[in-house]
Every structure is written in C-alpha cells, then in structure tokens.
Protein backbone atom coordinates (compact mmCIF):
# COMPACT_ATOMS: atom_id res chain seq x y z
CA MET A 1 58.74 90.68 226.15
CA HIS A 2 57.41 92.55 223.64
CA HIS A 3 54.14 94.35 225.11
CA ASN A 4 52.06 97.19 223.36
CA GLU A 5 48.79 96.13 225.81
CA ARG A 6 48.52 96.48 229.44
CA LEU A 7 50.18 94.01 231.43
CA ALA A 8 47.98 92.41 234.51
CA PRO A 9 49.86 92.16 237.73
CA GLU A 10 50.72 88.41 237.11
CA GLU A 11 52.80 89.05 233.89
CA VAL A 12 54.78 92.44 235.74
CA ALA A 13 56.17 90.47 237.99
CA LEU A 14 56.89 87.31 235.91
CA LEU A 15 58.77 89.70 233.00
CA VAL A 16 60.79 91.23 236.35
CA THR A 17 61.75 87.71 237.94
CA SER A 18 62.79 86.92 233.86
CA LEU A 19 65.24 90.02 233.47
CA LYS A 20 67.04 90.08 236.70
CA ALA A 21 67.29 86.19 236.72
CA LEU A 22 69.47 87.29 232.75
CA SER A 23 70.69 89.28 235.05
CA GLY A 24 72.23 87.37 237.22
CA ALA A 25 73.69 85.17 234.58
CA VAL A 26 75.19 87.37 231.78
CA SER A 27 78.18 86.11 232.38
CA TYR A 28 76.66 82.75 230.64
CA ILE A 29 74.84 84.59 227.36
CA ASP A 30 77.21 84.28 224.37
CA VAL A 31 77.04 86.48 221.34
CA ILE A 32 76.18 84.03 219.36
CA LEU A 33 74.42 80.80 220.60
CA HIS A 34 71.89 83.22 222.82
CA ASP A 35 71.53 85.98 219.46
CA SER A 36 67.52 85.14 219.63
CA LEU A 37 67.41 86.05 222.87
CA LEU A 38 70.00 89.04 222.86
CA THR A 39 67.79 90.34 220.36
CA SER A 40 64.34 90.31 221.58
CA ILE A 41 66.25 92.25 225.03
CA PHE A 42 67.36 94.82 222.89
CA ARG A 43 64.12 95.22 221.11
CA MET A 44 62.36 96.62 224.14
CA ASN A 45 60.58 98.95 224.24
CA MET A 46 61.04 101.17 227.92
CA TRP A 47 57.87 103.60 227.49
CA ASN A 48 55.61 100.04 226.77
CA TYR A 49 56.09 99.39 230.53
CA ARG A 50 56.07 100.38 234.17
CA PRO A 51 58.96 101.81 236.15
CA ASP A 52 59.32 98.32 237.69
CA VAL A 53 59.69 96.43 234.52
CA MET A 54 62.36 99.37 233.28
CA ASP A 55 64.41 99.27 236.63
CA ALA A 56 64.75 95.45 235.82
CA LEU A 57 65.21 95.57 232.39
CA LEU A 58 68.38 98.60 232.89
CA GLU A 59 70.07 96.63 235.41
CA LEU A 60 70.01 93.41 232.53
CA ILE A 61 71.64 96.23 230.13
CA ILE A 62 73.97 97.64 232.49
CA SER A 63 75.23 94.40 233.30
CA LEU A 64 75.62 92.87 229.57
CA ALA A 65 77.51 96.19 228.67
CA ALA A 66 80.19 95.39 231.51
CA SER A 67 80.37 91.88 230.79
CA ASN A 68 81.47 91.42 227.66
CA GLY A 69 82.67 94.43 225.76
CA LYS A 70 81.10 92.68 222.46
CA HIS A 71 77.60 93.69 224.23
CA VAL A 72 78.37 97.45 224.64
CA ASN A 73 77.32 98.53 220.94
CA SER A 74 74.08 96.85 221.21
CA CYS A 75 72.98 97.89 225.05
CA LEU A 76 74.03 101.94 223.93
CA GLU A 77 71.84 101.31 220.45
CA MET A 78 68.86 99.97 222.52
CA LEU A 79 69.40 103.03 225.38
CA VAL A 80 69.07 105.57 222.70
CA SER A 81 66.46 104.03 220.46
CA ASN A 82 64.40 104.99 223.72
CA PHE A 83 65.19 108.18 223.19
CA THR A 84 62.11 109.26 221.50
CA PRO A 85 58.25 107.02 222.10
CA PRO A 86 56.82 104.92 219.85
CA TYR A 87 54.43 106.94 217.88
CA SER A 88 51.05 106.51 219.62
CA PHE A 89 53.06 108.17 221.95
CA VAL A 90 53.35 110.86 220.07
CA ASP A 91 49.89 112.97 220.87
CA THR A 92 50.36 112.60 224.57
CA LEU A 93 53.54 114.12 225.05
CA THR A 94 52.06 117.77 226.10
CA GLN A 95 49.99 115.81 228.41
CA PRO A 96 50.45 115.46 232.01
CA ARG A 97 50.34 111.69 231.92
CA GLY A 98 52.81 111.51 228.95
CA LEU A 99 54.87 113.95 230.38
CA ALA A 100 55.32 111.66 233.40
CA LYS A 101 56.50 108.88 231.40
CA LYS A 102 58.42 110.72 229.35
CA GLU A 103 60.43 111.93 232.60
CA GLN A 104 59.94 108.24 234.31
CA VAL A 105 61.67 106.81 231.09
CA LEU A 106 64.54 109.60 230.26
CA SER A 107 65.62 110.13 233.11
CA ARG A 108 66.70 105.92 233.93
CA VAL A 109 68.04 106.24 230.14
CA HIS A 110 70.52 108.74 231.52
CA SER A 111 71.32 107.15 234.30
CA ALA A 112 72.32 104.15 232.44
CA LEU A 113 74.57 105.84 230.40
CA LYS A 114 76.21 107.25 232.78
CA HIS A 115 76.52 103.72 234.70
CA ILE A 116 77.55 101.67 231.94
CA ALA A 117 80.62 104.76 230.97
CA ASP A 118 81.71 104.53 234.39
CA LEU A 119 81.95 100.34 234.15
CA VAL A 120 83.54 100.81 230.59
CA PRO A 121 85.67 103.92 229.70
CA LEU A 122 85.38 104.14 226.15
CA ALA A 123 81.79 103.84 226.33
CA PRO A 124 81.24 107.78 224.95
CA SER A 125 83.45 107.66 222.50
CA ILE A 126 81.47 104.93 221.00
CA LEU A 127 77.68 106.40 221.50
CA SER A 128 78.88 110.08 220.34
CA PRO A 129 78.80 108.29 216.40
CA ILE A 130 75.37 105.89 217.43
CA VAL A 131 73.86 109.55 218.48
CA SER A 132 74.89 111.51 215.86
CA GLN A 133 74.09 108.50 212.62
CA ARG A 134 70.50 108.05 214.58
CA MET A 135 69.33 111.46 214.69
CA PRO A 136 65.50 111.64 213.24
CA ILE A 137 65.92 114.60 211.22
CA TYR A 138 62.64 114.18 209.00
CA ALA A 139 60.76 112.58 212.17
CA LYS A 140 57.75 114.61 212.85
CA GLU A 141 58.63 117.83 215.06
CA PRO A 142 58.07 115.92 218.55
CA LEU A 143 60.02 113.16 217.81
CA ALA A 144 62.96 115.78 216.47
CA VAL A 145 62.18 117.63 219.05
CA ILE A 146 62.60 115.31 222.17
CA TYR A 147 65.47 113.65 220.21
CA VAL A 148 67.27 116.93 220.18
CA GLU A 149 66.38 117.03 223.42
CA ASN A 150 68.53 114.33 224.67
CA MET A 151 71.18 115.20 222.39
CA LEU A 152 71.90 118.48 224.52
CA LYS A 153 71.08 116.35 228.21
CA LEU A 154 74.01 114.54 227.45
CA GLU A 155 75.75 117.52 226.42
CA SER A 156 75.72 118.65 229.91
CA SER A 157 75.90 115.33 231.61
CA ALA A 158 78.24 113.89 233.24
CA ILE A 159 79.99 112.65 230.96
CA GLY A 160 79.94 115.43 228.46
CA GLU A 161 83.60 116.26 228.06
CA PHE A 162 83.52 113.21 226.20
CA VAL A 163 80.71 113.89 223.66
CA ARG A 164 79.78 117.53 223.77
CA SER A 165 82.01 118.12 220.13
CA THR A 166 80.24 115.64 218.74
CA MET A 167 76.56 116.59 219.87
CA LEU A 168 77.17 119.97 219.26
CA MET A 169 78.72 120.04 215.63
CA ALA A 170 75.56 116.78 215.00
CA LEU A 171 72.95 119.61 216.39
CA MET A 172 74.19 122.25 213.45
CA ASP A 173 74.34 119.69 210.55
CA MET A 174 70.89 118.49 211.73
CA LEU A 175 69.87 122.57 211.37
CA ILE A 176 71.61 122.80 208.17
CA GLU A 177 70.57 120.11 206.42
CA LEU A 178 66.85 121.36 207.02
CA ASP A 179 67.74 125.01 206.53
CA VAL A 180 68.54 124.51 203.16
CA GLU A 181 65.13 122.03 202.28
CA ILE A 182 63.63 124.95 202.96
CA GLY A 183 63.34 126.80 199.72
CA TRP A 184 63.71 130.10 198.66
CA ASP A 185 60.25 129.98 196.88
CA ASP A 186 58.90 129.50 200.15
CA ILE A 187 60.10 132.99 201.45
CA LEU A 188 60.97 135.62 198.62
CA ARG A 189 57.94 137.22 197.06
CA ASP A 190 59.49 141.03 196.53
CA ASP A 191 60.40 142.51 193.52
CA SER A 192 64.13 142.37 192.99
CA SER A 193 64.54 145.64 191.50
CA LYS A 194 64.05 147.22 194.99
CA GLY A 195 66.66 148.29 197.21
CA ILE A 196 67.61 146.13 199.75
CA PHE A 197 66.66 148.75 202.67
CA GLN A 198 63.39 149.68 200.91
CA MET A 199 62.30 145.74 200.81
CA GLU A 200 63.36 145.53 204.58
CA LEU A 201 61.13 148.66 205.82
CA GLU A 202 58.12 147.69 202.97
CA ASN A 203 54.90 147.39 204.14
CA VAL A 204 55.50 148.06 208.59
CA ASP A 205 52.30 148.77 208.62
CA GLU A 206 51.56 145.10 208.32
CA ILE A 207 52.37 144.32 211.66
CA ALA A 208 50.42 143.81 214.32
CA ASP A 209 50.63 145.71 217.93
CA TYR A 210 52.87 144.12 220.07
CA ASP A 211 51.01 143.47 223.68
CA GLU A 212 52.85 142.10 226.81
CA GLU A 213 49.90 140.11 227.82
CA ASP A 214 49.38 138.37 224.58
CA ASP A 215 51.85 135.83 222.91
CA TYR A 216 53.81 137.26 219.94
CA GLU A 217 53.18 136.15 216.33
CA LEU A 218 54.41 137.04 212.96
CA PRO A 219 51.76 138.63 210.66
CA ARG A 220 49.64 136.97 209.57
CA GLU A 221 50.26 137.46 206.08
CA LEU A 222 53.90 137.04 206.47
CA SER A 223 53.49 134.23 207.62
CA ARG A 224 51.25 132.70 205.29
CA LYS A 225 53.49 133.81 202.18
CA SER A 226 56.25 132.86 203.82
CA LEU A 227 57.01 129.94 206.35
CA GLY A 228 53.78 129.50 207.67
CA GLY A 229 52.42 125.38 207.05
CA ASN A 230 56.25 125.07 205.98
CA LEU A 231 56.29 122.13 208.37
CA ILE A 232 60.26 121.69 208.10
CA ALA A 233 60.62 125.55 208.84
CA GLU A 234 58.46 124.89 211.42
CA LYS A 235 60.25 122.01 212.95
CA LEU A 236 63.65 123.91 212.39
CA ASP A 237 62.40 126.92 214.63
CA SER A 238 61.27 124.95 217.22
CA LEU A 239 64.89 122.84 217.43
CA MET A 240 66.59 126.48 217.16
CA ALA A 241 63.80 128.06 219.56
CA LEU A 242 65.49 124.60 222.04
CA THR A 243 69.22 125.76 221.56
CA PHE A 244 68.72 129.19 222.13
CA GLU A 245 67.59 127.62 225.60
CA HIS A 246 70.27 125.33 226.17
CA LEU A 247 72.83 127.97 225.37
CA GLU A 248 71.10 130.30 228.08
CA SER A 249 71.04 127.47 231.09
CA CYS A 250 75.07 127.13 229.63
CA LYS A 251 74.98 131.33 229.89
CA ALA A 252 73.79 130.64 233.53
CA ASN A 253 75.92 127.46 234.91
CA GLY A 254 79.25 129.56 233.36
CA ARG A 255 80.00 127.12 230.24
CA LEU A 256 79.14 128.78 227.81
CA ASN A 257 82.88 128.87 226.99
CA GLU A 258 82.78 125.39 226.49
CA VAL A 259 79.94 125.36 224.13
CA PHE A 260 80.96 127.94 222.25
CA GLU A 261 83.81 126.32 220.98
CA PRO A 262 82.19 123.17 218.92
CA LEU A 263 79.60 125.44 217.86
CA LEU A 264 82.29 127.96 216.02
CA ASP A 265 84.26 124.65 214.36
CA SER A 266 81.25 124.00 212.95
CA PHE A 267 80.20 127.44 211.71
CA ARG A 268 83.50 127.52 210.25
CA ILE A 269 83.68 124.00 208.75
CA THR A 270 79.68 123.63 207.80
CA VAL A 271 77.99 126.94 208.15
CA LEU A 272 80.20 129.31 206.37
CA THR A 273 80.89 126.82 203.40
CA THR A 274 76.58 126.48 203.05
CA TYR A 275 74.98 127.43 200.26
CA LYS A 276 71.70 129.18 201.08
CA SER A 277 71.97 128.68 204.89
CA LYS A 278 69.01 130.84 206.04
CA PHE A 279 68.34 130.63 209.42
CA ALA A 280 71.21 128.36 211.16
CA GLN A 281 73.68 131.23 211.62
CA PHE A 282 71.65 133.05 213.98
CA VAL A 283 72.83 130.04 216.73
CA MET A 284 76.13 131.27 216.72
CA PHE A 285 74.26 135.31 216.57
CA TYR A 286 72.64 134.05 219.88
CA VAL A 287 76.12 132.80 221.28
CA CYS A 288 77.38 135.99 220.55
CA ALA A 289 74.25 137.71 221.97
CA LEU A 290 75.12 135.81 225.74
CA ASP A 291 78.88 137.15 225.81
CA PRO A 292 79.48 139.66 223.68
CA GLU A 293 83.00 140.18 225.06
CA ASN A 294 83.96 137.09 224.40
CA CYS A 295 82.26 135.10 222.22
CA GLY A 296 81.22 137.96 220.06
CA VAL A 297 84.67 139.10 219.87
CA ARG A 298 86.04 135.84 218.81
CA PHE A 299 83.36 135.47 216.18
CA ALA A 300 83.71 138.73 214.49
CA THR A 301 87.93 137.88 214.82
CA MET A 302 87.64 134.75 212.75
CA LEU A 303 86.19 135.96 210.62
CA ALA A 304 88.22 139.01 209.63
CA ASP A 305 91.10 136.32 210.09
CA ILE A 306 89.53 134.17 207.46
CA PHE A 307 88.72 137.23 205.01
CA VAL A 308 92.56 138.45 205.04
CA SER A 309 93.88 134.67 204.92
CA LYS A 310 95.14 133.53 201.67
CA ASP A 311 95.05 129.82 202.96
CA TYR A 312 91.12 129.75 202.55
CA PRO A 313 88.99 129.13 199.11
CA LEU A 314 88.53 132.83 197.53
CA PRO A 315 84.65 131.40 198.32
CA PHE A 316 85.11 131.21 202.09
CA ARG A 317 86.88 134.41 202.16
CA MET A 318 84.21 136.34 200.66
CA SER A 319 81.76 134.28 202.57
CA ALA A 320 83.65 135.28 205.88
CA VAL A 321 83.56 139.19 204.59
CA ALA A 322 79.71 138.99 204.15
CA TYR A 323 78.87 136.83 207.59
CA LEU A 324 81.79 139.71 209.74
CA ALA A 325 79.78 142.97 207.59
CA SER A 326 76.42 141.21 208.78
CA PHE A 327 77.18 140.38 212.21
CA LEU A 328 78.79 144.06 212.90
CA SER A 329 75.75 145.71 211.40
CA ARG A 330 72.73 144.26 213.06
CA ALA A 331 73.99 143.37 216.40
CA ASN A 332 73.46 145.91 218.82
CA PHE A 333 75.43 144.00 221.59
CA LEU A 334 78.88 144.44 219.68
CA SER A 335 80.39 148.14 221.11
CA SER A 336 81.16 150.61 218.64
CA PRO A 337 84.83 150.99 219.19
CA PHE A 338 85.15 147.06 218.48
CA VAL A 339 83.84 147.61 215.76
CA ALA A 340 85.84 150.49 214.08
CA ILE A 341 88.73 148.17 214.68
CA MET A 342 86.95 145.79 212.38
CA LEU A 343 86.19 148.29 209.88
CA LYS A 344 90.58 149.32 210.06
CA ARG A 345 91.25 145.66 209.11
CA LEU A 346 89.12 146.35 206.41
CA VAL A 347 89.90 149.50 205.07
CA ASP A 348 93.71 149.07 205.62
CA TRP A 349 93.18 145.86 203.75
CA CYS A 350 91.13 147.40 200.80
CA LEU A 351 94.31 150.46 200.89
CA GLU A 352 97.17 147.75 200.32
CA TYR A 353 94.98 145.73 197.63
CA CYS A 354 94.82 149.05 195.74
CA LYS A 355 98.24 149.57 196.16
CA THR A 356 99.38 146.43 194.44
CA GLU A 357 96.17 146.21 191.82
CA GLY A 358 96.00 148.38 189.36
CA GLY A 359 93.88 148.22 186.33
CA GLU A 360 90.42 148.93 185.66
CA ILE A 361 87.09 147.00 186.61
CA ASN A 362 86.93 143.97 186.82
CA PRO A 363 83.77 141.93 188.48
CA VAL A 364 85.87 138.64 188.32
CA SER A 365 89.60 138.68 188.90
CA HIS A 366 89.08 141.78 191.97
CA ARG A 367 85.70 140.03 193.51
CA LEU A 368 87.26 140.14 196.96
CA PHE A 369 88.66 143.45 196.66
CA TYR A 370 84.57 144.35 195.53
CA SER A 371 83.63 142.03 198.64
CA ALA A 372 85.49 143.74 201.41
CA CYS A 373 84.62 147.61 199.90
CA GLN A 374 80.88 146.28 199.94
CA ALA A 375 80.97 145.14 203.63
CA ILE A 376 82.58 148.66 204.38
CA MET A 377 80.15 150.15 202.65
CA TYR A 378 77.13 147.99 204.28
CA VAL A 379 78.45 148.03 208.05
CA LEU A 380 78.14 151.96 207.69
CA CYS A 381 74.91 152.22 206.45
CA PHE A 382 73.77 150.84 209.68
CA ARG A 383 76.39 152.31 211.84
CA MET A 384 77.56 155.97 210.65
CA LYS A 385 76.67 158.14 213.33
CA SER A 386 78.02 156.01 215.87
CA MET A 387 81.60 154.97 213.61
CA MET A 388 81.83 159.41 213.59
CA ASP A 389 81.35 159.43 216.91
CA VAL A 390 84.73 157.04 217.84
CA ALA A 391 87.70 160.42 218.19
CA TRP A 392 90.23 157.95 216.71
CA PHE A 393 88.28 156.10 213.72
CA LYS A 394 86.62 159.05 212.60
CA SER A 395 90.14 160.22 211.25
CA HIS A 396 91.00 156.83 209.56
CA LEU A 397 87.26 157.10 207.54
CA LEU A 398 89.41 159.58 205.13
CA PHE A 399 90.85 156.38 203.46
CA ILE A 400 87.90 155.43 202.35
CA GLU A 401 87.85 157.90 199.72
CA PRO A 402 90.93 157.12 198.14
CA ILE A 403 89.72 152.96 198.21
CA LEU A 404 86.36 154.20 196.45
CA LYS A 405 88.27 156.73 193.92
CA HIS A 406 90.77 153.91 192.63
CA PRO A 407 90.56 153.04 189.34
CA LEU A 408 88.58 149.86 190.04
CA SER A 409 85.67 151.58 190.70
CA PRO A 410 83.79 149.84 193.83
CA LEU A 411 80.67 152.10 193.25
CA LYS A 412 80.32 151.19 189.52
CA VAL A 413 80.53 147.28 191.13
CA CYS A 414 79.14 147.01 194.29
CA LEU A 415 75.07 146.71 194.75
CA PRO A 416 73.46 150.04 193.69
CA SER A 417 70.87 149.72 196.22
CA ILE A 418 74.48 149.92 199.31
CA VAL A 419 76.26 152.32 197.08
CA ASP A 420 73.31 154.81 196.87
CA GLU A 421 72.45 154.43 200.86
CA PHE A 422 75.95 154.54 201.92
CA CYS A 423 76.35 157.80 199.61
CA GLN A 424 73.95 159.92 200.97
CA GLN A 425 75.03 159.19 204.69
CA ALA A 426 79.02 159.85 203.71
CA GLU A 427 77.63 163.19 201.54
CA ALA A 428 75.63 164.18 205.04
CA ALA A 429 78.73 163.31 207.51
CA ASN A 430 81.06 165.27 205.07
CA LEU A 431 83.00 162.39 204.49
CA PHE A 432 84.26 163.22 201.22
CA SER A 433 86.13 166.28 200.26
CA SER A 434 84.19 166.20 196.61
CA SER A 435 80.67 164.72 197.10
CA GLU A 436 79.87 165.28 193.64
CA GLU A 437 82.69 162.87 192.33
CA PHE A 438 79.68 160.33 194.08
CA ALA A 439 76.46 160.72 192.96
CA PHE A 440 74.17 157.42 192.25
CA SER A 441 71.67 155.93 191.15
CA ASP A 442 70.35 153.01 191.90
CA SER A 443 67.31 152.83 189.47
CA LEU A 444 68.99 150.06 187.18
CA GLU A 445 70.80 147.52 188.73
CA SER A 446 74.72 147.12 187.04
CA GLU A 447 76.00 144.56 185.49
CA HIS A 448 78.97 144.95 186.75
CA SER A 449 77.46 143.88 190.26
CA LYS A 450 75.76 140.75 188.76
CA ALA A 451 79.42 139.60 187.83
CA PHE A 452 81.11 140.18 190.53
CA GLY A 453 78.05 138.70 193.26
CA GLY A 454 78.62 135.32 190.53
CA MET A 455 75.90 132.58 189.84
CA GLU A 456 75.60 132.75 193.63
CA ARG A 457 75.33 135.91 193.23
CA LEU A 458 77.47 136.68 196.51
CA ASP A 459 76.55 140.88 196.31
CA MET A 460 73.20 140.07 197.47
CA PHE A 461 75.09 137.57 200.76
CA PHE A 462 73.63 139.30 203.57
CA PRO A 463 73.40 136.10 206.15
CA PHE A 464 71.91 138.51 209.01
CA ASP A 465 68.77 139.75 207.14
CA PRO A 466 65.95 139.61 210.17
CA CYS A 467 65.02 135.64 211.21
CA LEU A 468 61.35 134.69 210.36
CA LEU A 469 61.24 132.41 212.68
CA ARG A 470 58.42 132.68 214.50
CA LYS A 471 60.05 131.32 218.04
CA SER A 472 63.63 132.05 217.52
CA ASP A 473 63.08 136.01 216.47
CA ARG A 474 61.95 135.77 220.21
CA PHE A 475 64.84 135.08 221.39
CA ILE A 476 67.02 137.44 218.03
CA ARG A 477 64.79 140.27 218.84
CA PRO A 478 66.66 142.31 221.65
CA TYR A 479 69.54 142.18 220.22
CA PHE A 480 69.12 142.78 216.82
CA VAL A 481 69.56 145.79 214.73
CA TYR A 482 66.56 146.25 212.27
CA TRP A 483 66.81 149.19 209.49
CA SER A 484 64.31 150.83 211.20
CA MET A 485 65.64 151.20 213.91
CA VAL A 486 68.92 153.60 212.34
CA ARG A 487 69.12 156.85 212.21
CA PRO A 488 71.24 157.85 209.70
CA PRO A 489 72.94 161.45 209.76
CA CYS A 490 70.55 162.89 206.22
CA ASP A 491 67.62 162.03 208.17
CA GLU A 492 68.46 164.44 210.60
CA ALA A 493 69.86 166.87 208.23
CA GLU A 494 66.77 166.89 206.66
CA GLY A 495 65.34 169.18 210.40
CA ILE A 496 61.65 167.67 210.17
CA SER A 497 60.22 170.27 213.06
CA ASP A 498 57.63 169.26 215.39
CA GLU A 499 55.40 171.13 213.54
CA ASP A 500 55.37 169.38 210.99
CA ILE A 501 54.48 166.36 211.95
CA GLY A 502 50.10 166.04 213.06
CA GLU A 503 49.13 165.00 216.12
CA GLN A 504 47.31 162.23 214.37
CA GLU A 505 50.46 160.55 212.98
CA ILE A 506 52.18 161.33 216.69
CA ASP A 507 49.32 158.61 218.30
CA LEU A 508 49.94 155.94 215.13
CA ASP A 509 53.87 156.27 215.65
CA VAL A 510 53.51 155.70 219.29
CA SER A 511 51.15 152.75 219.22
CA LYS A 512 53.60 150.77 216.35
CA MET A 513 56.14 151.21 218.89
CA SER A 514 54.45 149.18 221.26
CA ILE A 515 55.65 146.16 219.30
CA THR A 516 58.68 145.89 220.82
CA PRO A 517 58.92 143.93 224.38
CA ARG A 518 58.98 146.94 226.77
CA LYS A 519 61.55 144.81 229.39
CA TYR A 520 64.05 144.77 226.06
CA SER A 521 63.80 148.40 225.13
CA ALA A 522 67.41 149.52 227.24
CA TYR A 523 69.29 147.27 224.50
CA TRP A 524 67.62 148.72 221.75
CA ILE A 525 68.74 152.98 222.49
CA GLN A 526 72.53 152.88 222.17
CA ASP A 527 75.04 153.99 219.82
CA GLY A 528 73.17 156.02 218.26
CA PHE A 529 69.86 153.73 217.22
CA GLU A 530 66.17 154.13 218.30
CA GLU A 531 62.95 151.41 219.55
CA PRO A 532 61.59 150.41 215.71
CA ARG A 533 58.38 151.36 214.74
CA GLY A 534 57.67 148.06 213.09
CA MET A 535 59.78 144.72 212.03
CA PRO A 536 59.97 144.70 208.88
CA ALA A 537 57.78 142.79 207.09
CA ARG A 538 59.25 142.13 203.84
CA ILE A 539 63.24 141.27 203.12
CA ARG A 540 64.86 139.61 200.14
CA PRO A 541 66.55 136.68 201.30
CA SER A 542 70.28 135.92 200.70
CA THR A 543 72.39 133.73 198.88
CA SER A 544 75.59 132.25 199.89
CA PRO A 545 78.55 130.48 198.18
CA GLU A 546 78.14 126.94 196.88
CA SER A 547 79.13 124.58 199.29
CA LEU A 548 82.76 123.31 198.90
C-alpha cells in the first residue's frame, strides 16, 4: 500500500480495487484482530498517489469512521497528517505541478473531514485537539505555512463554528511560541542612553525609496543587522502575513466579528501575559484596523477595563495600560474623540489615586500609578495636537497638571525621554499654568525609572513599536503612525520659513516621501499627522512582563 515511486497502471487498478473492497467490508474489520491492516491504511500518504487512488482511500476512511466510533480518532489523525506533504514535495510547492497536487490532496482532505463531521456529530470536537497538537511549529517554513493554511481553511469551512475558537487560539499560541524564540540580540543594536523617539527617527536616510513598480523591502542594512537570515523570524513573518490575508477574507465575507471574539480571548489569555512578545500582537492591531468602530473600540476598552480592575494581578494591569498607550498612539484609524475618552479614563483614575494615596516617591509601591502617568504622556506625545482640537477634552487636559505635581512626582520616575518630549509639547500647547516647574532634561536615565520598570523594564514596554517583519509591514504600514509622521505643536511654534529650506533639501524631502504607497496616503493625512519622510530605521525594542 505504501509507494513512493510511480505505479504501473495495473498496480493502480489493483490498489483501487482493494481499497473499494475494504470499504464494502468495514463492518467486519476489528480494531484488535486487524491492527496491522488498519495501521497500513492509516499510514498511506495521499500525496504519493493519483486522484483515483485518493478517492478510493478516502471512501474507505469515511466508511471506517462511520462504521465504528473506535476508528474515528485514527481516521481524523490520518486526514490531518495529510495537511502537509512529504519533505520530497516541498521544493515543488511553488511550481505548477506541485500546486496542482496540493489542490488535489487538500480539497479531498477537507471534503472528507466535512463528510465525517456530518456522519459523526462528535467528530469536530475530536478533530480540534488533533489539529492543535500536530502543529509543526519548528518544521520548515513551507510546511508550517501550508499547515496553517489548512487550519484557517477549517476555520472558514462548514464546520468552522465548531472548531473556530480552537484553530485561532492555537494559531496565536504558535505565533507567540515563534515570537519568543527570536532573541533581542537579533534586533537590539542601539545605544540604551538614547531616547525612544530619537531611536525611531535615527538613520532615516538609510531607507530606500519606495517605488510602486518595485517590491518593497526593508533597508538592506536593517534587515541584515536585525532579522534578515533569521529563519524563525522569516517563518513568523510568513505566518502572520497569511493570517492577515485570512482576516481580510473574513472582512470581505462579513465574518470579521466571528474571528475577533476568539482572537480577543487569545490576546487576553496568552499575548497580554507573554514576556518579550515582539510581533504576534500585531494580529490584534490589524483586525482592529479592519473594523475600527467595533474591534478597535472593543480592544481598547478591554485594555482599559483590565487596567482599572482590581481583579487582575499587578503585572497584568501594567501590561494592559502599556498596550493601551501604544495602541492609542500608533493606530491612525482611531478617532480623536475616542482616544480622548480613553485618556479621560486614565486621567480620572490617576486623579482618584492621588486623592487616596499620599507619601513621597516610591517606584515600587506606586508602579501602577507611574504606568498610567507614563501612558498618558506617551499618548499625548503622539496625539497632543489632535487632543487639543477635541473641545470637551481640552479643558480636561488641565487636570493632568495636579497629577504631575503630586508628591509622588511621576515626572521624576517615568521614562526621561517621554517626560522630556511631553513637557516640550505641553509647554508649546500652553497646557500648564507654570511651565518652569516642568523643566526637565533626559540626559541621564532616572534610577527611579529603572526601579519602577522592574527587572522586566516595564517602563520601556511599547508593544506596538514599528514592526520589523518585512511581509507583515505591508499590511500594518497603511494604518500605523510613525513618529516621523507627527508634527508636535512645539515644532510648529518654531516658525521655520520657506526661505530657510534650500531648493536641494526640498527635492530630497519630496523624493523621500515616495516610500509611502501612494494609494494609502489618504489614511495618513488626518488628525494632525503628515505623511512620513521615511520609515524609521532603528528603534529600541520593547519588553513585557514575565509570563504568569
């Protein structure tokens, strides 16, 4: 039954006849007495046979599953094992012959799974753990990608309602597992003394111009120094791009809300508590970008709810407010009024905290308070101009001053680069009654900041920093706010005249703007943001709390 070489016509006819004969006698096949026969059947690999043999084999598999409940597990395991081809087929998957074979096999596999589910109602509940347990996380990239393709095909199939949650949560677990395998040594190259905003803007000149007719790539130096050649990163990138494409399909078919629910659960259970997650969280960012009014609002609201709730452990709440700050800052699809509502919740919480808590600076005891203060300042570094344009919230911004002047002294504890940038913008916006009290220099990193961040450096946790995965960036970029796109009020106050800019500099700036895909430029000119002159070349990666 097991053949790797091409069968002669008479051998094919004999095999088809034998399989069909067995299909007619399944009621006589005993699990114990015919163990060797069953083992041989279940070990057959459909990728090695012609369509007529595949059809006869699947007819037998379906008959076995329907005839005796003891065969169901083995039948489903056999079908799932055919999600991926033998290694000898990997190189042909990009060729017409390989693609044709892939379609022949997988269309039949999924048809058989549907047929068995119709005949055995409990089959989907048995299938889900089999699929999740057999995920080839560390297999070669083509095999991992094709396996995930099958998982997503199951999710969108007729039995999707029974397996959807398991498929999507297992996928997110897979992405997270790959994510944490990528060490920071593969990414981190920057001087830790530099501010986060400086790092993101640094070496913009290294970015190659985007040409609509050329494939977009990260700068060669960046990709080589960071993730280029990292097989795990490349695999993660391909799987995330595949996930993004599936989300787009769900959006087109009106099913986005169906997949959002399990993704939200997966984020809360797995991603939020994962230490050093760098990229997997962008799945949530993208699904929110596809439906800002529903998914985007619910995601941000959930993060705010977790932060203010005393039912969650402290690291959960600190992680949640860091995610919230990064999301509100980076998502260009969130409206200014909604961002103002979220900021108001944080400001109100801080005001209440100041009323009930006294004492002096204590980065450890009051770390949740400092997390909230830093979140407020971080969002305003990106959103100050648009927040000042929200009439009802402009007056509420004045409540930030007493929070920052409280004896707990958040300005002396939060990350200096954020404090410095915030103070500059606040002064330019006349946010404070007396700006002299908020004079600040970030030349040295505060020991208080290090203490408040803890060993995990939660003070430097910015989960939606620019995504360095090349394929994934194609999807994220149109919905993302880079620091280079922000025009702080203090920049406008400097009053740079047109005469100060030479003709040659203007030409250079215009050429750099071409890296932005032109069809997406409409998304980026809003809420006080401008098109970027270039994609940030280097950032300081974020860190997140220990997995609990």
